[in-house]
C-alpha atoms as a PDB file:
ATOM      1  CA  MET A   1     -42.871 -96.359  17.576  1.00  0.00           C
ATOM      2  CA  PRO A   2     -40.015 -98.080  16.108  1.00  0.00           C
ATOM      3  CA  ASP A   3     -39.851-102.045  16.444  1.00  0.00           C
ATOM      4  CA  THR A   4     -38.065-102.897  19.648  1.00  0.00           C
ATOM      5  CA  GLY A   5     -37.361-106.631  18.341  1.00  0.00           C
ATOM      6  CA  LEU A   6     -38.566-107.675  22.113  1.00  0.00           C
ATOM      7  CA  THR A   7     -42.307-108.114  21.438  1.00  0.00           C
ATOM      8  CA  GLY A   8     -43.161-107.381  18.273  1.00  0.00           C
ATOM      9  CA  PHE A   9     -46.214-104.916  19.589  1.00  0.00           C
ATOM     10  CA  GLY A  10     -46.926-102.765  22.309  1.00  0.00           C
ATOM     11  CA  ARG A  11     -44.370-101.419  24.769  1.00  0.00           C
ATOM     12  CA  PRO A  12     -41.466-103.273  25.867  1.00  0.00           C
ATOM     13  CA  SER A  13     -41.222-104.005  29.889  1.00  0.00           C
ATOM     14  CA  ILE A  14     -38.049-103.493  31.053  1.00  0.00           C
ATOM     15  CA  LEU A  15     -36.550-104.313  34.420  1.00  0.00           C
ATOM     16  CA  VAL A  16     -33.798-101.857  35.640  1.00  0.00           C
ATOM     17  CA  THR A  17     -31.729-102.933  38.587  1.00  0.00           C
ATOM     18  CA  GLY A  18     -28.910-100.321  40.168  1.00  0.00           C
ATOM     19  CA  ALA A  19     -31.883 -97.812  39.150  1.00  0.00           C
ATOM     20  CA  SER A  20     -30.998 -95.342  41.624  1.00  0.00           C
ATOM     21  CA  GLY A  21     -26.961 -94.925  40.714  1.00  0.00           C
ATOM     22  CA  ASN A  22     -25.441 -92.444  38.269  1.00  0.00           C
ATOM     23  CA  LEU A  23     -25.630 -94.848  35.485  1.00  0.00           C
ATOM     24  CA  GLY A  24     -28.837 -96.929  36.618  1.00  0.00           C
ATOM     25  CA  ARG A  25     -30.662 -93.197  36.357  1.00  0.00           C
ATOM     26  CA  GLU A  26     -29.808 -92.349  33.094  1.00  0.00           C
ATOM     27  CA  VAL A  27     -30.901 -95.439  31.481  1.00  0.00           C
ATOM     28  CA  VAL A  28     -34.589 -95.615  33.226  1.00  0.00           C
ATOM     29  CA  ASP A  29     -34.483 -91.749  31.760  1.00  0.00           C
ATOM     30  CA  ARG A  30     -33.769 -93.089  28.386  1.00  0.00           C
ATOM     31  CA  LEU A  31     -36.163 -96.173  28.384  1.00  0.00           C
ATOM     32  CA  ARG A  32     -38.561 -93.760  29.618  1.00  0.00           C
ATOM     33  CA  GLY A  33     -38.073 -91.482  26.577  1.00  0.00           C
ATOM     34  CA  ARG A  34     -37.881 -94.412  24.213  1.00  0.00           C
ATOM     35  CA  GLY A  35     -41.846 -95.123  25.539  1.00  0.00           C
ATOM     36  CA  ALA A  36     -40.690 -98.305  27.461  1.00  0.00           C
ATOM     37  CA  ARG A  37     -42.887 -99.834  30.308  1.00  0.00           C
ATOM     38  CA  VAL A  38     -39.956 -99.471  33.217  1.00  0.00           C
ATOM     39  CA  ARG A  39     -39.633-101.557  36.603  1.00  0.00           C
ATOM     40  CA  CYS A  40     -36.820-100.516  39.141  1.00  0.00           C
ATOM     41  CA  LEU A  41     -35.702-103.027  41.243  1.00  0.00           C
ATOM     42  CA  VAL A  42     -34.527-101.435  44.452  1.00  0.00           C
ATOM     43  CA  ARG A  43     -33.508-102.329  48.214  1.00  0.00           C
ATOM     44  CA  GLU A  44     -35.589 -99.012  49.367  1.00  0.00           C
ATOM     45  CA  ARG A  45     -38.858 -97.871  47.466  1.00  0.00           C
ATOM     46  CA  PRO A  46     -38.464 -94.037  46.535  1.00  0.00           C
ATOM     47  CA  GLY A  47     -41.187 -91.792  46.041  1.00  0.00           C
ATOM     48  CA  PRO A  48     -43.630 -91.507  43.015  1.00  0.00           C
ATOM     49  CA  ARG A  49     -41.889 -91.300  39.780  1.00  0.00           C
ATOM     50  CA  PRO A  50     -44.218 -90.689  36.694  1.00  0.00           C
ATOM     51  CA  GLY A  51     -43.972 -93.823  34.096  1.00  0.00           C
ATOM     52  CA  VAL A  52     -41.641 -95.698  37.023  1.00  0.00           C
ATOM     53  CA  GLU A  53     -42.888 -98.834  38.507  1.00  0.00           C
ATOM     54  CA  TRP A  54     -40.954 -99.785  41.785  1.00  0.00           C
ATOM     55  CA  ALA A  55     -40.174-103.205  43.182  1.00  0.00           C
ATOM     56  CA  ALA A  56     -38.726-103.181  46.344  1.00  0.00           C
ATOM     57  CA  GLY A  57     -36.399-106.106  47.474  1.00  0.00           C
ATOM     58  CA  ASP A  58     -32.485-107.560  47.103  1.00  0.00           C
ATOM     59  CA  LEU A  59     -31.051-108.309  44.206  1.00  0.00           C
ATOM     60  CA  THR A  60     -29.246-111.490  46.022  1.00  0.00           C
ATOM     61  CA  ASP A  61     -32.891-112.894  47.086  1.00  0.00           C
ATOM     62  CA  PRO A  62     -34.409-115.324  44.317  1.00  0.00           C
ATOM     63  CA  ALA A  63     -37.931-114.817  45.714  1.00  0.00           C
ATOM     64  CA  THR A  64     -37.337-110.756  44.888  1.00  0.00           C
ATOM     65  CA  VAL A  65     -36.041-111.637  41.481  1.00  0.00           C
ATOM     66  CA  ARG A  66     -38.434-113.741  40.352  1.00  0.00           C
ATOM     67  CA  ALA A  67     -41.414-111.254  41.525  1.00  0.00           C
ATOM     68  CA  ALA A  68     -39.476-108.320  39.850  1.00  0.00           C
ATOM     69  CA  LEU A  69     -39.193-110.682  36.818  1.00  0.00           C
ATOM     70  CA  ALA A  70     -42.851-110.933  35.964  1.00  0.00           C
ATOM     71  CA  GLY A  71     -43.953-110.111  32.707  1.00  0.00           C
ATOM     72  CA  VAL A  72     -40.614-108.187  31.829  1.00  0.00           C
ATOM     73  CA  ASP A  73     -39.009-108.497  28.256  1.00  0.00           C
ATOM     74  CA  ALA A  74     -35.299-107.505  29.175  1.00  0.00           C
ATOM     75  CA  VAL A  75     -33.205-106.990  32.015  1.00  0.00           C
ATOM     76  CA  PHE A  76     -30.544-104.452  32.552  1.00  0.00           C
ATOM     77  CA  LEU A  77     -28.148-105.663  35.182  1.00  0.00           C
ATOM     78  CA  ILE A  78     -25.649-104.007  37.747  1.00  0.00           C
ATOM     79  CA  TRP A  79     -24.345-106.093  40.229  1.00  0.00           C
ATOM     80  CA  PRO A  80     -23.482-104.547  43.502  1.00  0.00           C
ATOM     81  CA  MET A  81     -20.166-103.515  44.184  1.00  0.00           C
ATOM     82  CA  LEU A  82     -20.037-104.594  47.809  1.00  0.00           C
ATOM     83  CA  ASP A  83     -21.406-108.146  46.836  1.00  0.00           C
ATOM     84  CA  SER A  84     -19.375-111.024  45.797  1.00  0.00           C
ATOM     85  CA  ALA A  85     -21.238-112.876  42.669  1.00  0.00           C
ATOM     86  CA  PRO A  86     -24.387-114.668  44.021  1.00  0.00           C
ATOM     87  CA  ALA A  87     -24.908-118.585  44.563  1.00  0.00           C
ATOM     88  CA  HIS A  88     -26.879-119.905  41.560  1.00  0.00           C
ATOM     89  CA  ASP A  89     -30.173-119.384  42.657  1.00  0.00           C
ATOM     90  CA  PRO A  90     -30.796-115.527  41.621  1.00  0.00           C
ATOM     91  CA  VAL A  91     -29.279-116.195  38.366  1.00  0.00           C
ATOM     92  CA  ALA A  92     -31.640-119.101  38.123  1.00  0.00           C
ATOM     93  CA  GLU A  93     -34.481-116.980  37.989  1.00  0.00           C
ATOM     94  CA  LEU A  94     -33.243-114.799  35.342  1.00  0.00           C
ATOM     95  CA  ALA A  95     -32.654-118.059  33.375  1.00  0.00           C
ATOM     96  CA  ALA A  96     -36.102-119.364  34.335  1.00  0.00           C
ATOM     97  CA  ALA A  97     -37.818-116.129  32.873  1.00  0.00           C
ATOM     98  CA  ALA A  98     -35.564-116.230  29.725  1.00  0.00           C
ATOM     99  CA  PRO A  99     -35.357-112.442  29.038  1.00  0.00           C
ATOM    100  CA  ARG A 100     -32.947-110.644  27.397  1.00  0.00           C
ATOM    101  CA  VAL A 101     -30.005-109.607  30.052  1.00  0.00           C
ATOM    102  CA  VAL A 102     -27.758-106.797  29.245  1.00  0.00           C
ATOM    103  CA  TYR A 103     -25.259-107.108  32.023  1.00  0.00           C
ATOM    104  CA  VAL A 104     -22.528-104.100  33.131  1.00  0.00           C
ATOM    105  CA  SER A 105     -19.031-105.401  33.765  1.00  0.00           C
ATOM    106  CA  SER A 106     -15.831-104.184  33.398  1.00  0.00           C
ATOM    107  CA  THR A 107     -13.055-103.558  30.545  1.00  0.00           C
ATOM    108  CA  ALA A 108     -10.488-104.457  33.275  1.00  0.00           C
ATOM    109  CA  ILE A 109     -11.345-108.339  32.974  1.00  0.00           C
ATOM    110  CA  ASP A 110      -8.873-110.705  31.419  1.00  0.00           C
ATOM    111  CA  ASP A 111     -10.113-113.525  29.659  1.00  0.00           C
ATOM    112  CA  GLU A 112      -6.878-115.350  30.085  1.00  0.00           C
ATOM    113  CA  ALA A 113      -6.360-114.820  33.655  1.00  0.00           C
ATOM    114  CA  GLU A 114      -7.078-117.829  36.383  1.00  0.00           C
ATOM    115  CA  ARG A 115      -8.044-114.878  38.896  1.00  0.00           C
ATOM    116  CA  GLN A 116      -8.577-110.991  38.034  1.00  0.00           C
ATOM    117  CA  SER A 117      -6.497-108.122  39.147  1.00  0.00           C
ATOM    118  CA  ASP A 118      -8.739-106.898  42.257  1.00  0.00           C
ATOM    119  CA  PRO A 119     -12.007-107.966  43.853  1.00  0.00           C
ATOM    120  CA  ILE A 120     -14.233-105.695  42.129  1.00  0.00           C
ATOM    121  CA  VAL A 121     -12.995-107.397  38.563  1.00  0.00           C
ATOM    122  CA  GLN A 122     -13.215-110.456  40.155  1.00  0.00           C
ATOM    123  CA  VAL A 123     -17.213-110.141  40.844  1.00  0.00           C
ATOM    124  CA  HIS A 124     -17.575-108.899  37.385  1.00  0.00           C
ATOM    125  CA  ALA A 125     -15.584-112.047  35.887  1.00  0.00           C
ATOM    126  CA  ASP A 126     -17.475-114.448  38.248  1.00  0.00           C
ATOM    127  CA  MET A 127     -21.202-112.742  37.102  1.00  0.00           C
ATOM    128  CA  GLU A 128     -20.504-113.174  33.310  1.00  0.00           C
ATOM    129  CA  ALA A 129     -19.363-116.699  33.896  1.00  0.00           C
ATOM    130  CA  LEU A 130     -22.836-117.596  35.725  1.00  0.00           C
ATOM    131  CA  LEU A 131     -24.938-115.981  33.667  1.00  0.00           C
ATOM    132  CA  ARG A 132     -23.425-118.140  30.661  1.00  0.00           C
ATOM    133  CA  ASN A 133     -23.320-121.083  32.684  1.00  0.00           C
ATOM    134  CA  ALA A 134     -27.209-120.867  33.788  1.00  0.00           C
ATOM    135  CA  GLY A 135     -27.977-120.980  29.849  1.00  0.00           C
ATOM    136  CA  LEU A 136     -28.161-117.743  29.264  1.00  0.00           C
ATOM    137  CA  HIS A 137     -26.749-115.444  26.295  1.00  0.00           C
ATOM    138  CA  PRO A 138     -26.503-112.091  27.744  1.00  0.00           C
ATOM    139  CA  VAL A 139     -25.287-109.081  26.224  1.00  0.00           C
ATOM    140  CA  VAL A 140     -22.425-108.007  28.133  1.00  0.00           C
ATOM    141  CA  LEU A 141     -20.913-104.502  28.244  1.00  0.00           C
ATOM    142  CA  ARG A 142     -17.651-103.986  29.686  1.00  0.00           C
ATOM    143  CA  SER A 143     -17.404-100.441  30.619  1.00  0.00           C
ATOM    144  CA  ASP A 144     -14.485 -98.785  31.218  1.00  0.00           C
ATOM    145  CA  THR A 145     -13.925 -96.062  34.067  1.00  0.00           C
ATOM    146  CA  LEU A 146     -17.070 -94.433  34.483  1.00  0.00           C
ATOM    147  CA  ALA A 147     -16.952 -90.139  34.148  1.00  0.00           C
ATOM    148  CA  SER A 148     -19.491 -89.897  36.877  1.00  0.00           C
ATOM    149  CA  ASN A 149     -17.117 -91.132  39.384  1.00  0.00           C
ATOM    150  CA  ALA A 150     -15.574 -87.881  39.884  1.00  0.00           C
ATOM    151  CA  ARG A 151     -18.416 -86.671  41.585  1.00  0.00           C
ATOM    152  CA  GLY A 152     -16.829 -88.239  44.451  1.00  0.00           C
ATOM    153  CA  TRP A 153     -14.109 -85.297  44.640  1.00  0.00           C
ATOM    154  CA  ALA A 154     -16.932 -82.371  44.798  1.00  0.00           C
ATOM    155  CA  PRO A 155     -16.742 -82.559  48.761  1.00  0.00           C
ATOM    156  CA  GLN A 156     -12.746 -81.446  48.385  1.00  0.00           C
ATOM    157  CA  LEU A 157     -13.049 -79.269  45.505  1.00  0.00           C
ATOM    158  CA  ARG A 158     -15.615 -76.992  47.883  1.00  0.00           C
ATOM    159  CA  THR A 159     -13.081 -76.647  50.462  1.00  0.00           C
ATOM    160  CA  GLY A 160     -10.061 -76.078  47.998  1.00  0.00           C
ATOM    161  CA  ASP A 161      -8.147 -76.434  44.687  1.00  0.00           C
ATOM    162  CA  VAL A 162      -6.403 -80.066  45.624  1.00  0.00           C
ATOM    163  CA  VAL A 163      -8.055 -83.461  45.021  1.00  0.00           C
ATOM    164  CA  SER A 164      -6.176 -86.274  46.969  1.00  0.00           C
ATOM    165  CA  GLY A 165      -6.800 -90.162  46.686  1.00  0.00           C
ATOM    166  CA  PRO A 166      -5.444 -93.164  45.314  1.00  0.00           C
ATOM    167  CA  ASP A 167      -3.820 -92.805  41.790  1.00  0.00           C
ATOM    168  CA  PHE A 168      -5.592 -95.150  40.102  1.00  0.00           C
ATOM    169  CA  ALA A 169      -3.861 -96.382  36.763  1.00  0.00           C
ATOM    170  CA  ARG A 170      -4.775 -94.494  33.342  1.00  0.00           C
ATOM    171  CA  THR A 171      -7.877 -95.766  31.348  1.00  0.00           C
ATOM    172  CA  ALA A 172     -10.443 -94.512  28.456  1.00  0.00           C
ATOM    173  CA  VAL A 173     -12.907 -92.799  30.968  1.00  0.00           C
ATOM    174  CA  VAL A 174     -16.230 -93.050  29.353  1.00  0.00           C
ATOM    175  CA  ASP A 175     -19.262 -91.157  30.328  1.00  0.00           C
ATOM    176  CA  GLU A 176     -21.915 -92.762  31.776  1.00  0.00           C
ATOM    177  CA  ARG A 177     -24.481 -91.251  29.665  1.00  0.00           C
ATOM    178  CA  ASP A 178     -22.795 -93.180  26.758  1.00  0.00           C
ATOM    179  CA  VAL A 179     -22.900 -96.209  28.357  1.00  0.00           C
ATOM    180  CA  ALA A 180     -26.738 -95.751  29.158  1.00  0.00           C
ATOM    181  CA  ASP A 181     -27.138 -94.952  25.590  1.00  0.00           C
ATOM    182  CA  ALA A 182     -25.226 -98.411  24.422  1.00  0.00           C
ATOM    183  CA  ALA A 183     -27.344-100.241  27.170  1.00  0.00           C
ATOM    184  CA  VAL A 184     -30.532 -98.809  25.953  1.00  0.00           C
ATOM    185  CA  ALA A 185     -29.798 -99.853  22.436  1.00  0.00           C
ATOM    186  CA  ALA A 186     -28.881-103.518  23.634  1.00  0.00           C
ATOM    187  CA  LEU A 187     -32.280-103.470  25.660  1.00  0.00           C
ATOM    188  CA  LEU A 188     -34.317-102.833  22.585  1.00  0.00           C
ATOM    189  CA  ALA A 189     -33.061-104.563  19.911  1.00  0.00           C
ATOM    190  CA  PRO A 190     -30.832-107.711  18.834  1.00  0.00           C
ATOM    191  CA  HIS A 191     -27.210-107.627  19.881  1.00  0.00           C
ATOM    192  CA  ASP A 192     -24.586-109.937  20.853  1.00  0.00           C
ATOM    193  CA  GLY A 193     -21.327-108.334  22.331  1.00  0.00           C
ATOM    194  CA  PRO A 194     -19.299-108.457  24.464  1.00  0.00           C
ATOM    195  CA  TYR A 195     -19.053-104.421  23.452  1.00  0.00           C
ATOM    196  CA  LEU A 196     -15.857-102.800  25.227  1.00  0.00           C
ATOM    197  CA  LEU A 197     -17.028 -99.323  26.222  1.00  0.00           C
ATOM    198  CA  THR A 198     -14.586 -96.573  26.501  1.00  0.00           C
ATOM    199  CA  GLY A 199     -14.141 -92.823  25.521  1.00  0.00           C
ATOM    200  CA  PRO A 200     -11.936 -91.496  23.386  1.00  0.00           C
ATOM    201  CA  GLU A 201      -8.918 -90.554  25.296  1.00  0.00           C
ATOM    202  CA  VAL A 202      -6.829 -92.527  27.794  1.00  0.00           C
ATOM    203  CA  LEU A 203      -6.420 -90.408  30.966  1.00  0.00           C
ATOM    204  CA  GLY A 204      -5.106 -90.363  34.386  1.00  0.00           C
ATOM    205  CA  ARG A 205      -6.592 -88.959  37.508  1.00  0.00           C
ATOM    206  CA  ALA A 206      -4.423 -85.816  37.310  1.00  0.00           C
ATOM    207  CA  ASP A 207      -5.867 -85.141  33.657  1.00  0.00           C
ATOM    208  CA  GLN A 208      -9.277 -85.706  34.781  1.00  0.00           C
ATOM    209  CA  VAL A 209      -8.871 -83.155  37.823  1.00  0.00           C
ATOM    210  CA  ALA A 210      -7.151 -80.737  35.453  1.00  0.00           C
ATOM    211  CA  LEU A 211      -9.675 -80.950  32.522  1.00  0.00           C
ATOM    212  CA  LEU A 212     -12.346 -80.200  35.773  1.00  0.00           C
ATOM    213  CA  GLY A 213     -10.684 -77.449  36.699  1.00  0.00           C
ATOM    214  CA  ALA A 214     -10.986 -76.020  33.036  1.00  0.00           C
ATOM    215  CA  ALA A 215     -14.470 -76.413  33.204  1.00  0.00           C
ATOM    216  CA  LEU A 216     -14.551 -74.738  36.477  1.00  0.00           C
ATOM    217  CA  ARG A 217     -12.098 -71.916  35.371  1.00  0.00           C
ATOM    218  CA  ARG A 218     -10.103 -72.690  38.615  1.00  0.00           C
ATOM    219  CA  ARG A 219      -6.291 -74.011  38.984  1.00  0.00           C
ATOM    220  CA  LEU A 220      -6.997 -77.547  40.379  1.00  0.00           C
ATOM    221  CA  ARG A 221      -4.476 -80.325  40.842  1.00  0.00           C
ATOM    222  CA  PHE A 222      -4.257 -83.952  41.805  1.00  0.00           C
ATOM    223  CA  ARG A 223      -2.086 -85.198  45.066  1.00  0.00           C
ATOM    224  CA  ALA A 224      -1.440 -88.902  45.139  1.00  0.00           C
ATOM    225  CA  VAL A 225      -1.425 -90.194  48.564  1.00  0.00           C
ATOM    226  CA  ALA A 226      -0.114 -93.853  49.819  1.00  0.00           C
ATOM    227  CA  ALA A 227      -2.542 -96.373  50.014  1.00  0.00           C
ATOM    228  CA  ASP A 228      -3.025 -97.030  53.769  1.00  0.00           C
ATOM    229  CA  LEU A 229      -3.451 -93.178  54.260  1.00  0.00           C
ATOM    230  CA  ALA A 230      -6.450 -93.057  51.616  1.00  0.00           C
ATOM    231  CA  ARG A 231      -7.806 -96.078  53.294  1.00  0.00           C
ATOM    232  CA  SER A 232      -8.003 -94.125  56.616  1.00  0.00           C
ATOM    233  CA  ARG A 233      -9.256 -91.062  54.409  1.00  0.00           C
ATOM    234  CA  MET A 234     -12.016 -92.936  53.050  1.00  0.00           C
ATOM    235  CA  LEU A 235     -13.481 -94.938  55.982  1.00  0.00           C
ATOM    236  CA  ALA A 236     -13.243 -91.537  58.067  1.00  0.00           C
ATOM    237  CA  ASP A 237     -15.704 -90.033  55.457  1.00  0.00           C
ATOM    238  CA  GLY A 238     -18.017 -93.271  56.414  1.00  0.00           C
ATOM    239  CA  ARG A 239     -17.496 -95.010  52.921  1.00  0.00           C
ATOM    240  CA  PRO A 240     -18.304 -98.995  53.905  1.00  0.00           C
ATOM    241  CA  GLU A 241     -15.122-101.092  54.432  1.00  0.00           C
ATOM    242  CA  ARG A 242     -15.454-103.746  51.900  1.00  0.00           C
ATOM    243  CA  LEU A 243     -15.761-100.616  49.295  1.00  0.00           C
ATOM    244  CA  VAL A 244     -13.009 -98.986  50.632  1.00  0.00           C
ATOM    245  CA  ASP A 245     -10.673-102.235  50.463  1.00  0.00           C
ATOM    246  CA  ALA A 246     -11.712-103.103  47.071  1.00  0.00           C
ATOM    247  CA  LEU A 247     -11.201 -99.631  45.738  1.00  0.00           C
ATOM    248  CA  VAL A 248      -7.670 -99.561  47.853  1.00  0.00           C
ATOM    249  CA  ALA A 249      -6.882-103.174  46.040  1.00  0.00           C
ATOM    250  CA  ALA A 250      -8.063-101.505  42.361  1.00  0.00           C
ATOM    251  CA  SER A 251      -5.723 -98.834  43.049  1.00  0.00           C
ATOM    252  CA  LEU A 252      -2.625-100.956  43.354  1.00  0.00           C
ATOM    253  CA  HIS A 253      -3.324-103.862  41.228  1.00  0.00           C
ATOM    254  CA  ARG A 254      -5.261-102.918  38.492  1.00  0.00           C
ATOM    255  CA  PRO A 255      -3.069-102.495  35.248  1.00  0.00           C
ATOM    256  CA  GLU A 256      -2.911 -99.522  33.088  1.00  0.00           C
ATOM    257  CA  SER A 257      -4.825 -99.596  30.154  1.00  0.00           C
ATOM    258  CA  ASN A 258      -4.403 -97.706  26.670  1.00  0.00           C
ATOM    259  CA  ARG A 259      -7.054 -99.143  24.732  1.00  0.00           C
ATOM    260  CA  THR A 260      -9.826 -97.068  23.128  1.00  0.00           C
ATOM    261  CA  THR A 261     -12.468 -98.898  20.915  1.00  0.00           C
ATOM    262  CA  ASP A 262     -15.602 -97.596  18.404  1.00  0.00           C
ATOM    263  CA  HIS A 263     -17.925 -99.712  20.441  1.00  0.00           C
ATOM    264  CA  VAL A 264     -20.221 -96.943  21.782  1.00  0.00           C
ATOM    265  CA  GLU A 265     -20.459 -95.428  18.315  1.00  0.00           C
ATOM    266  CA  ARG A 266     -20.966 -99.246  16.686  1.00  0.00           C
ATOM    267  CA  LEU A 267     -24.305 -99.195  19.492  1.00  0.00           C
ATOM    268  CA  THR A 268     -25.114 -95.519  19.639  1.00  0.00           C
ATOM    269  CA  GLY A 269     -24.425 -94.515  15.994  1.00  0.00           C
ATOM    270  CA  ARG A 270     -22.223 -91.578  17.276  1.00  0.00           C
ATOM    271  CA  PRO A 271     -18.815 -91.292  18.607  1.00  0.00           C
ATOM    272  CA  PRO A 272     -18.327 -91.050  22.418  1.00  0.00           C
ATOM    273  CA  ARG A 273     -18.033 -88.292  24.370  1.00  0.00           C
ATOM    274  CA  ASP A 274     -14.768 -86.975  26.120  1.00  0.00           C
ATOM    275  CA  PHE A 275     -14.161 -86.067  29.605  1.00  0.00           C
ATOM    276  CA  ALA A 276     -13.816 -81.914  28.532  1.00  0.00           C
ATOM    277  CA  THR A 277     -17.305 -82.541  27.988  1.00  0.00           C
ATOM    278  CA  TRP A 278     -18.744 -84.167  30.684  1.00  0.00           C
ATOM    279  CA  ALA A 279     -16.652 -81.869  33.187  1.00  0.00           C
ATOM    280  CA  LEU A 280     -18.497 -78.773  31.790  1.00  0.00           C
ATOM    281  CA  ASP A 281     -21.747 -80.388  31.665  1.00  0.00           C
ATOM    282  CA  HIS A 282     -21.291 -81.253  35.181  1.00  0.00           C
ATOM    283  CA  ALA A 283     -19.532 -78.242  36.407  1.00  0.00           C
ATOM    284  CA  PRO A 284     -22.472 -76.531  38.654  1.00  0.00           C
ATOM    285  CA  GLU A 285     -22.259 -80.218  40.654  1.00  0.00           C
ATOM    286  CA  PHE A 286     -19.044 -78.843  42.006  1.00  0.00           C
ATOM    287  CA  ASP A 287     -19.631 -75.398  43.299  1.00  0.00           C
END
C-alpha cells in the first residue's frame, strides 16, 4: 500500500470522532477503503461493522479520551456542536498521546475578531486555540456550510413543495464527501493548514432549494420565516433547545461570504463537487 507518512509500516490506526454523523460516516468509509484501522469514539455503541472498532464514551471525559487514544496514529476530531469548548483536560490527553490531529472547524471564523459572530463559530475558534495552546500542531480544516445540512428539509418536502426556515447568509456550500476526502488526505500524509474548504459557488438557501428541485423534477421554493417563528418550529420538531438557539443566532449574525478557494483540490487533487451534483446523487433521500 502507499506510504501513509504515519507509521512507515503496516496499517495506520485512526481514531474518528463524530463517526455517526454525515461527515464522520464518510470519513470512516474512506479510511476503511484505504486500508486503515479505524476506531470510532461514540456515545452509544452501534451494532458490529466490519473493519471498525467501537469505543463507547464521551469526548468531554478525559478518561474516555485517554483509553480511545491507545495505539492510534492520528485523530479526526469533530467537536460536538452543543458542547462548549472543553476544559483543558481532554485536549491535554490528545497532546500527551501526540498523534496527528485533524480538526474540522468553520470558514466563518474571523481571526481578527475578539469574539466570533455566533456561538457555533465561537466554539470552533476556542477549540482551535485550545489545540494550539496544548502544544499540538493540528491540521485545521475550516469547512464552509455542508451540503448534507439539506437533509433536514426532507420532512417538509415529503408533504409539500415549500422549504421554510431561517434565511442564513450565502456561503460556498461544500459537499461533505469532499471534506471527507480532504480529511483523509490530511490524516494519512503530512500537511500543515489551515485549509478553507469550500464548494465552487456561493449559494443562498433559495438557490439550494431550486437546485434540489431540479434534481427532483419538482418546482420547489424557499420561504424565509422570522427568527422567533423558526425557533418555535424547530423546538416543536424536537430539536434540542441549545442547538436551536445556536442556529437562530447563526442565521441572524453570521456574515455573508463570497469566498471560494481551491483548497479541496490542493488536498484531493480534483475540484470540489457543486451542489447540483450533490442534489442529484441524494435525490432518492427526499422521495
